[in-house]
Amino acid sequence: LSGDYADAAALLEAAAARFEHRTSYPASDFRLWLSAATRRGAAGDEAARAALEPRASIRELNVVVREATALFNGTKDLVDFVGFVDGADAGDTLGWRLIGNFYAGLYHHSAGADVQARFFLQQARASPYAGPDD
């Protein structure tokens, strides 16, 4: 996020709506980014939680993204989320540590806690699934 959180939120909202209109899947990744932009842009936690709601009653299938959504909407606390991510196997066979630590970093960034965000993003890069440009 480059600092223009209101414009980012508008673009992400439009992208999420298009994705959900064209597919039978929730736009969870777009919505997590939208929630972070909304929260960081000082629109408040309630607006950030509302950003997570898909347009239709469709369920996220990726368990890590579903848990990250619970973290962002306040129904899961950070300690439980990190415990869930740390519970992934050491080899990160399913990429849970990569995705989970990435979203924990985004969560901290959205709260303005950049030191903690950097820590979790470094943890994500330690996953065998992280690429050289991650």
N, C-alpha and C. Protein backbone atom coordinates (compact mmCIF):
# COMPACT_ATOMS: atom_id res chain seq x y z
N LEU A 1 0.85 -1.17 0.00
CA LEU A 1 0.00 0.00 0.00
C LEU A 1 0.89 1.23 0.00
N SER A 2 0.64 2.12 -0.89
CA SER A 2 1.55 3.24 -1.09
C SER A 2 1.20 4.49 -0.30
N GLY A 3 0.14 4.48 0.45
CA GLY A 3 -0.23 5.66 1.21
C GLY A 3 -1.53 6.28 0.75
N ASP A 4 -1.96 6.01 -0.45
CA ASP A 4 -3.23 6.54 -0.96
C ASP A 4 -4.32 5.50 -0.69
N TYR A 5 -4.68 5.37 0.57
CA TYR A 5 -5.55 4.29 1.01
C TYR A 5 -6.98 4.42 0.50
N ALA A 6 -7.49 5.63 0.37
CA ALA A 6 -8.86 5.81 -0.12
C ALA A 6 -8.99 5.35 -1.57
N ASP A 7 -8.05 5.75 -2.41
CA ASP A 7 -8.09 5.31 -3.81
C ASP A 7 -7.86 3.81 -3.92
N ALA A 8 -6.94 3.28 -3.13
CA ALA A 8 -6.69 1.84 -3.13
C ALA A 8 -7.96 1.09 -2.73
N ALA A 9 -8.64 1.57 -1.70
CA ALA A 9 -9.87 0.91 -1.25
C ALA A 9 -10.94 0.92 -2.35
N ALA A 10 -11.08 2.04 -3.05
CA ALA A 10 -12.08 2.12 -4.12
C ALA A 10 -11.76 1.13 -5.24
N LEU A 11 -10.49 1.04 -5.63
CA LEU A 11 -10.09 0.10 -6.68
C LEU A 11 -10.28 -1.35 -6.23
N LEU A 12 -9.93 -1.64 -4.99
CA LEU A 12 -10.09 -3.01 -4.48
C LEU A 12 -11.55 -3.40 -4.34
N GLU A 13 -12.39 -2.47 -3.93
CA GLU A 13 -13.83 -2.74 -3.83
C GLU A 13 -14.40 -3.09 -5.20
N ALA A 14 -14.03 -2.32 -6.22
CA ALA A 14 -14.49 -2.58 -7.58
C ALA A 14 -13.98 -3.93 -8.09
N ALA A 15 -12.72 -4.23 -7.82
CA ALA A 15 -12.14 -5.51 -8.25
C ALA A 15 -12.84 -6.68 -7.57
N ALA A 16 -13.11 -6.56 -6.28
CA ALA A 16 -13.80 -7.63 -5.54
C ALA A 16 -15.20 -7.85 -6.10
N ALA A 17 -15.91 -6.78 -6.35
CA ALA A 17 -17.27 -6.89 -6.88
C ALA A 17 -17.26 -7.55 -8.26
N ARG A 18 -16.32 -7.17 -9.13
CA ARG A 18 -16.22 -7.79 -10.46
C ARG A 18 -15.92 -9.28 -10.35
N PHE A 19 -14.96 -9.62 -9.49
CA PHE A 19 -14.56 -11.01 -9.32
C PHE A 19 -15.75 -11.85 -8.85
N GLU A 20 -16.45 -11.37 -7.83
CA GLU A 20 -17.57 -12.13 -7.27
C GLU A 20 -18.75 -12.19 -8.23
N HIS A 21 -18.89 -11.19 -9.09
CA HIS A 21 -19.96 -11.20 -10.08
C HIS A 21 -19.68 -12.23 -11.18
N ARG A 22 -18.41 -12.39 -11.52
CA ARG A 22 -18.02 -13.27 -12.63
C ARG A 22 -17.74 -14.70 -12.23
N THR A 23 -17.54 -14.97 -10.95
CA THR A 23 -17.20 -16.32 -10.51
C THR A 23 -18.15 -16.76 -9.39
N SER A 24 -17.98 -17.98 -8.97
CA SER A 24 -18.78 -18.46 -7.84
C SER A 24 -17.92 -18.54 -6.57
N TYR A 25 -16.85 -17.75 -6.53
CA TYR A 25 -15.93 -17.75 -5.40
C TYR A 25 -15.92 -16.38 -4.73
N PRO A 26 -15.63 -16.35 -3.43
CA PRO A 26 -15.49 -15.06 -2.77
C PRO A 26 -14.16 -14.41 -3.18
N ALA A 27 -14.14 -13.12 -3.19
CA ALA A 27 -12.91 -12.37 -3.53
C ALA A 27 -12.14 -12.08 -2.24
N SER A 28 -11.85 -13.12 -1.50
CA SER A 28 -11.26 -12.96 -0.17
C SER A 28 -9.94 -12.22 -0.18
N ASP A 29 -9.06 -12.52 -1.13
CA ASP A 29 -7.78 -11.82 -1.18
C ASP A 29 -7.99 -10.32 -1.41
N PHE A 30 -8.83 -9.98 -2.38
CA PHE A 30 -9.14 -8.57 -2.61
C PHE A 30 -9.73 -7.94 -1.35
N ARG A 31 -10.62 -8.67 -0.70
CA ARG A 31 -11.33 -8.13 0.46
C ARG A 31 -10.40 -7.95 1.66
N LEU A 32 -9.42 -8.85 1.83
CA LEU A 32 -8.45 -8.66 2.91
C LEU A 32 -7.61 -7.41 2.66
N TRP A 33 -7.17 -7.21 1.42
CA TRP A 33 -6.43 -5.99 1.08
C TRP A 33 -7.32 -4.76 1.25
N LEU A 34 -8.58 -4.87 0.84
CA LEU A 34 -9.54 -3.77 1.00
C LEU A 34 -9.73 -3.42 2.47
N SER A 35 -9.86 -4.45 3.30
CA SER A 35 -10.00 -4.22 4.74
C SER A 35 -8.78 -3.51 5.30
N ALA A 36 -7.58 -3.95 4.88
CA ALA A 36 -6.34 -3.32 5.36
C ALA A 36 -6.27 -1.86 4.93
N ALA A 37 -6.60 -1.59 3.66
CA ALA A 37 -6.55 -0.21 3.15
C ALA A 37 -7.57 0.66 3.88
N THR A 38 -8.74 0.10 4.13
CA THR A 38 -9.80 0.84 4.82
C THR A 38 -9.38 1.16 6.25
N ARG A 39 -8.81 0.16 6.92
CA ARG A 39 -8.38 0.34 8.32
C ARG A 39 -7.23 1.32 8.41
N ARG A 40 -6.23 1.18 7.56
CA ARG A 40 -5.06 2.05 7.59
C ARG A 40 -5.42 3.48 7.18
N GLY A 41 -6.42 3.61 6.32
CA GLY A 41 -6.85 4.91 5.84
C GLY A 41 -7.75 5.65 6.82
N ALA A 42 -7.85 5.19 8.04
CA ALA A 42 -8.57 5.85 9.14
C ALA A 42 -10.08 5.83 8.97
N ALA A 43 -10.61 4.91 8.16
CA ALA A 43 -12.07 4.80 8.04
C ALA A 43 -12.65 4.06 9.25
N GLY A 44 -11.78 3.40 10.01
CA GLY A 44 -12.22 2.75 11.23
C GLY A 44 -12.39 1.25 11.09
N ASP A 45 -12.40 0.59 12.24
CA ASP A 45 -12.49 -0.86 12.29
C ASP A 45 -13.81 -1.39 11.75
N GLU A 46 -14.91 -0.68 12.02
CA GLU A 46 -16.22 -1.14 11.55
C GLU A 46 -16.27 -1.17 10.02
N ALA A 47 -15.78 -0.12 9.39
CA ALA A 47 -15.73 -0.08 7.92
C ALA A 47 -14.80 -1.16 7.39
N ALA A 48 -13.70 -1.41 8.09
CA ALA A 48 -12.75 -2.44 7.67
C ALA A 48 -13.40 -3.82 7.76
N ARG A 49 -14.19 -4.07 8.80
CA ARG A 49 -14.89 -5.35 8.92
C ARG A 49 -15.94 -5.51 7.83
N ALA A 50 -16.66 -4.44 7.53
CA ALA A 50 -17.69 -4.49 6.49
C ALA A 50 -17.08 -4.80 5.13
N ALA A 51 -15.85 -4.37 4.91
CA ALA A 51 -15.17 -4.61 3.63
C ALA A 51 -14.93 -6.09 3.37
N LEU A 52 -14.96 -6.90 4.42
CA LEU A 52 -14.68 -8.33 4.29
C LEU A 52 -15.86 -9.14 3.80
N GLU A 53 -17.04 -8.57 3.81
CA GLU A 53 -18.25 -9.31 3.47
C GLU A 53 -18.39 -9.49 1.96
N PRO A 54 -18.44 -10.75 1.49
CA PRO A 54 -18.67 -10.96 0.06
C PRO A 54 -20.08 -10.55 -0.33
N ARG A 55 -20.27 -10.25 -1.59
CA ARG A 55 -21.58 -9.81 -2.07
C ARG A 55 -22.63 -10.90 -1.98
N ALA A 56 -22.24 -12.13 -2.15
CA ALA A 56 -23.20 -13.24 -2.10
C ALA A 56 -22.81 -14.17 -0.95
N SER A 57 -23.67 -15.10 -0.64
CA SER A 57 -23.37 -16.03 0.45
C SER A 57 -22.49 -17.16 -0.08
N ILE A 58 -21.24 -16.84 -0.35
CA ILE A 58 -20.28 -17.81 -0.84
C ILE A 58 -19.21 -17.98 0.22
N ARG A 59 -18.71 -19.18 0.36
CA ARG A 59 -17.79 -19.51 1.44
C ARG A 59 -16.37 -19.67 0.91
N GLU A 60 -15.43 -19.09 1.63
CA GLU A 60 -14.01 -19.24 1.29
C GLU A 60 -13.58 -20.67 1.55
N LEU A 61 -12.93 -21.30 0.59
CA LEU A 61 -12.49 -22.68 0.72
C LEU A 61 -11.09 -22.81 1.31
N ASN A 62 -10.25 -21.80 1.13
CA ASN A 62 -8.89 -21.84 1.64
C ASN A 62 -8.92 -21.56 3.15
N VAL A 63 -8.54 -22.54 3.94
CA VAL A 63 -8.65 -22.42 5.40
C VAL A 63 -7.79 -21.29 5.95
N VAL A 64 -6.63 -21.05 5.38
CA VAL A 64 -5.76 -19.99 5.89
C VAL A 64 -6.38 -18.63 5.60
N VAL A 65 -6.92 -18.45 4.42
CA VAL A 65 -7.57 -17.18 4.07
C VAL A 65 -8.82 -17.00 4.93
N ARG A 66 -9.54 -18.09 5.19
CA ARG A 66 -10.72 -18.02 6.07
C ARG A 66 -10.32 -17.59 7.48
N GLU A 67 -9.22 -18.13 7.99
CA GLU A 67 -8.73 -17.75 9.32
C GLU A 67 -8.23 -16.30 9.32
N ALA A 68 -7.57 -15.88 8.24
CA ALA A 68 -7.11 -14.50 8.14
C ALA A 68 -8.30 -13.55 8.12
N THR A 69 -9.36 -13.93 7.44
CA THR A 69 -10.57 -13.11 7.42
C THR A 69 -11.14 -12.97 8.83
N ALA A 70 -11.12 -14.06 9.60
CA ALA A 70 -11.58 -14.00 10.99
C ALA A 70 -10.71 -13.06 11.82
N LEU A 71 -9.40 -13.07 11.57
CA LEU A 71 -8.49 -12.14 12.26
C LEU A 71 -8.85 -10.70 11.91
N PHE A 72 -9.00 -10.41 10.64
CA PHE A 72 -9.29 -9.05 10.20
C PHE A 72 -10.67 -8.56 10.68
N ASN A 73 -11.65 -9.47 10.78
CA ASN A 73 -12.98 -9.01 11.20
C ASN A 73 -13.17 -9.07 12.72
N GLY A 74 -12.14 -9.48 13.44
CA GLY A 74 -12.17 -9.44 14.90
C GLY A 74 -12.78 -10.64 15.59
N THR A 75 -13.08 -11.72 14.85
CA THR A 75 -13.63 -12.91 15.48
C THR A 75 -12.55 -13.91 15.87
N LYS A 76 -11.31 -13.64 15.52
CA LYS A 76 -10.15 -14.45 15.94
C LYS A 76 -9.09 -13.47 16.39
N ASP A 77 -8.46 -13.78 17.53
CA ASP A 77 -7.43 -12.84 17.96
C ASP A 77 -6.07 -13.24 17.38
N LEU A 78 -5.15 -12.30 17.43
CA LEU A 78 -3.85 -12.48 16.78
C LEU A 78 -3.09 -13.68 17.35
N VAL A 79 -3.15 -13.88 18.65
CA VAL A 79 -2.44 -15.01 19.27
C VAL A 79 -2.95 -16.33 18.71
N ASP A 80 -4.28 -16.47 18.59
CA ASP A 80 -4.85 -17.69 18.02
C ASP A 80 -4.48 -17.86 16.56
N PHE A 81 -4.48 -16.77 15.80
CA PHE A 81 -4.13 -16.85 14.39
C PHE A 81 -2.68 -17.28 14.22
N VAL A 82 -1.78 -16.67 14.98
CA VAL A 82 -0.36 -17.03 14.89
C VAL A 82 -0.16 -18.49 15.33
N GLY A 83 -0.88 -18.92 16.35
CA GLY A 83 -0.81 -20.32 16.76
C GLY A 83 -1.27 -21.26 15.66
N PHE A 84 -2.32 -20.87 14.96
CA PHE A 84 -2.80 -21.66 13.83
C PHE A 84 -1.73 -21.75 12.74
N VAL A 85 -1.13 -20.62 12.41
CA VAL A 85 -0.09 -20.60 11.37
C VAL A 85 1.13 -21.41 11.82
N ASP A 86 1.53 -21.25 13.07
CA ASP A 86 2.69 -21.99 13.58
C ASP A 86 2.43 -23.48 13.67
N GLY A 87 1.15 -23.87 13.66
CA GLY A 87 0.79 -25.29 13.71
C GLY A 87 0.99 -26.00 12.39
N ALA A 88 1.30 -25.26 11.33
CA ALA A 88 1.56 -25.88 10.03
C ALA A 88 2.82 -26.71 10.13
N ASP A 89 2.92 -27.73 9.30
CA ASP A 89 4.09 -28.59 9.37
C ASP A 89 5.37 -27.81 9.06
N ALA A 90 6.48 -28.29 9.58
CA ALA A 90 7.76 -27.57 9.47
C ALA A 90 8.16 -27.30 8.02
N GLY A 91 7.82 -28.19 7.11
CA GLY A 91 8.18 -28.00 5.71
C GLY A 91 7.19 -27.12 4.96
N ASP A 92 6.13 -26.69 5.64
CA ASP A 92 5.11 -25.82 5.05
C ASP A 92 4.57 -26.41 3.75
N THR A 93 4.24 -27.70 3.81
CA THR A 93 3.81 -28.44 2.64
C THR A 93 2.66 -27.77 1.88
N LEU A 94 1.73 -27.18 2.61
CA LEU A 94 0.57 -26.56 1.97
C LEU A 94 0.72 -25.05 1.79
N GLY A 95 1.84 -24.47 2.20
CA GLY A 95 2.05 -23.04 2.05
C GLY A 95 1.33 -22.20 3.10
N TRP A 96 0.88 -22.83 4.18
CA TRP A 96 0.13 -22.11 5.21
C TRP A 96 0.98 -21.05 5.89
N ARG A 97 2.25 -21.37 6.16
CA ARG A 97 3.12 -20.39 6.83
C ARG A 97 3.36 -19.17 5.94
N LEU A 98 3.55 -19.41 4.66
CA LEU A 98 3.74 -18.30 3.73
C LEU A 98 2.51 -17.39 3.75
N ILE A 99 1.36 -17.96 3.50
CA ILE A 99 0.13 -17.16 3.41
C ILE A 99 -0.24 -16.56 4.77
N GLY A 100 -0.17 -17.37 5.82
CA GLY A 100 -0.56 -16.89 7.15
C GLY A 100 0.33 -15.78 7.66
N ASN A 101 1.64 -15.94 7.51
CA ASN A 101 2.54 -14.88 7.96
C ASN A 101 2.41 -13.63 7.10
N PHE A 102 2.14 -13.81 5.81
CA PHE A 102 1.91 -12.66 4.94
C PHE A 102 0.70 -11.86 5.45
N TYR A 103 -0.41 -12.56 5.72
CA TYR A 103 -1.61 -11.84 6.17
C TYR A 103 -1.44 -11.28 7.59
N ALA A 104 -0.65 -11.92 8.44
CA ALA A 104 -0.36 -11.34 9.76
C ALA A 104 0.43 -10.05 9.58
N GLY A 105 1.35 -10.04 8.62
CA GLY A 105 2.10 -8.81 8.32
C GLY A 105 1.19 -7.71 7.78
N LEU A 106 0.28 -8.07 6.88
CA LEU A 106 -0.66 -7.08 6.34
C LEU A 106 -1.56 -6.54 7.44
N TYR A 107 -1.98 -7.44 8.35
CA TYR A 107 -2.83 -7.02 9.48
C TYR A 107 -2.10 -5.97 10.33
N HIS A 108 -0.84 -6.24 10.66
CA HIS A 108 -0.07 -5.29 11.46
C HIS A 108 0.15 -3.98 10.70
N HIS A 109 0.43 -4.08 9.40
CA HIS A 109 0.61 -2.86 8.60
C HIS A 109 -0.67 -2.02 8.63
N SER A 110 -1.82 -2.67 8.54
CA SER A 110 -3.08 -1.93 8.53
C SER A 110 -3.32 -1.20 9.85
N ALA A 111 -2.69 -1.68 10.93
CA ALA A 111 -2.82 -1.04 12.24
C ALA A 111 -1.71 -0.03 12.48
N GLY A 112 -0.81 0.13 11.50
CA GLY A 112 0.29 1.07 11.65
C GLY A 112 1.46 0.51 12.45
N ALA A 113 1.47 -0.80 12.70
CA ALA A 113 2.54 -1.45 13.47
C ALA A 113 3.56 -2.02 12.49
N ASP A 114 4.35 -1.13 11.91
CA ASP A 114 5.24 -1.53 10.82
C ASP A 114 6.39 -2.44 11.24
N VAL A 115 6.87 -2.33 12.47
CA VAL A 115 7.94 -3.23 12.94
C VAL A 115 7.42 -4.66 13.01
N GLN A 116 6.23 -4.85 13.58
CA GLN A 116 5.62 -6.17 13.65
C GLN A 116 5.29 -6.69 12.25
N ALA A 117 4.81 -5.79 11.39
CA ALA A 117 4.50 -6.19 10.01
C ALA A 117 5.75 -6.74 9.33
N ARG A 118 6.84 -6.04 9.48
CA ARG A 118 8.10 -6.46 8.86
C ARG A 118 8.53 -7.84 9.39
N PHE A 119 8.36 -8.08 10.68
CA PHE A 119 8.71 -9.39 11.27
C PHE A 119 7.93 -10.51 10.58
N PHE A 120 6.60 -10.34 10.47
CA PHE A 120 5.78 -11.40 9.88
C PHE A 120 6.05 -11.57 8.39
N LEU A 121 6.34 -10.49 7.70
CA LEU A 121 6.67 -10.60 6.29
C LEU A 121 8.00 -11.33 6.09
N GLN A 122 8.94 -11.13 7.01
CA GLN A 122 10.20 -11.88 6.96
C GLN A 122 9.95 -13.37 7.23
N GLN A 123 9.03 -13.67 8.13
CA GLN A 123 8.65 -15.06 8.40
C GLN A 123 8.05 -15.70 7.14
N ALA A 124 7.22 -14.93 6.44
CA ALA A 124 6.62 -15.45 5.20
C ALA A 124 7.70 -15.77 4.18
N ARG A 125 8.69 -14.91 4.07
CA ARG A 125 9.77 -15.13 3.10
C ARG A 125 10.59 -16.37 3.44
N ALA A 126 10.55 -16.83 4.69
CA ALA A 126 11.31 -18.01 5.09
C ALA A 126 10.64 -19.31 4.63
N SER A 127 9.42 -19.23 4.15
CA SER A 127 8.72 -20.42 3.65
C SER A 127 9.38 -20.92 2.38
N PRO A 128 9.44 -22.25 2.21
CA PRO A 128 10.00 -22.77 0.96
C PRO A 128 9.19 -22.37 -0.27
N TYR A 129 7.96 -21.92 -0.08
CA TYR A 129 7.12 -21.49 -1.21
C TYR A 129 7.38 -20.04 -1.63
N ALA A 130 8.08 -19.30 -0.80
CA ALA A 130 8.37 -17.90 -1.14
C ALA A 130 9.33 -17.85 -2.32
N GLY A 131 9.02 -16.99 -3.27
CA GLY A 131 9.88 -16.83 -4.44
C GLY A 131 10.90 -15.72 -4.22
N PRO A 132 11.81 -15.56 -5.13
CA PRO A 132 12.86 -14.55 -4.98
C PRO A 132 12.33 -13.12 -4.97
N ASP A 133 11.14 -12.88 -5.52
CA ASP A 133 10.60 -11.53 -5.54
C ASP A 133 9.54 -11.31 -4.46
N ASP A 134 9.37 -12.27 -3.55
CA ASP A 134 8.41 -12.13 -2.45
C ASP A 134 8.99 -11.34 -1.30
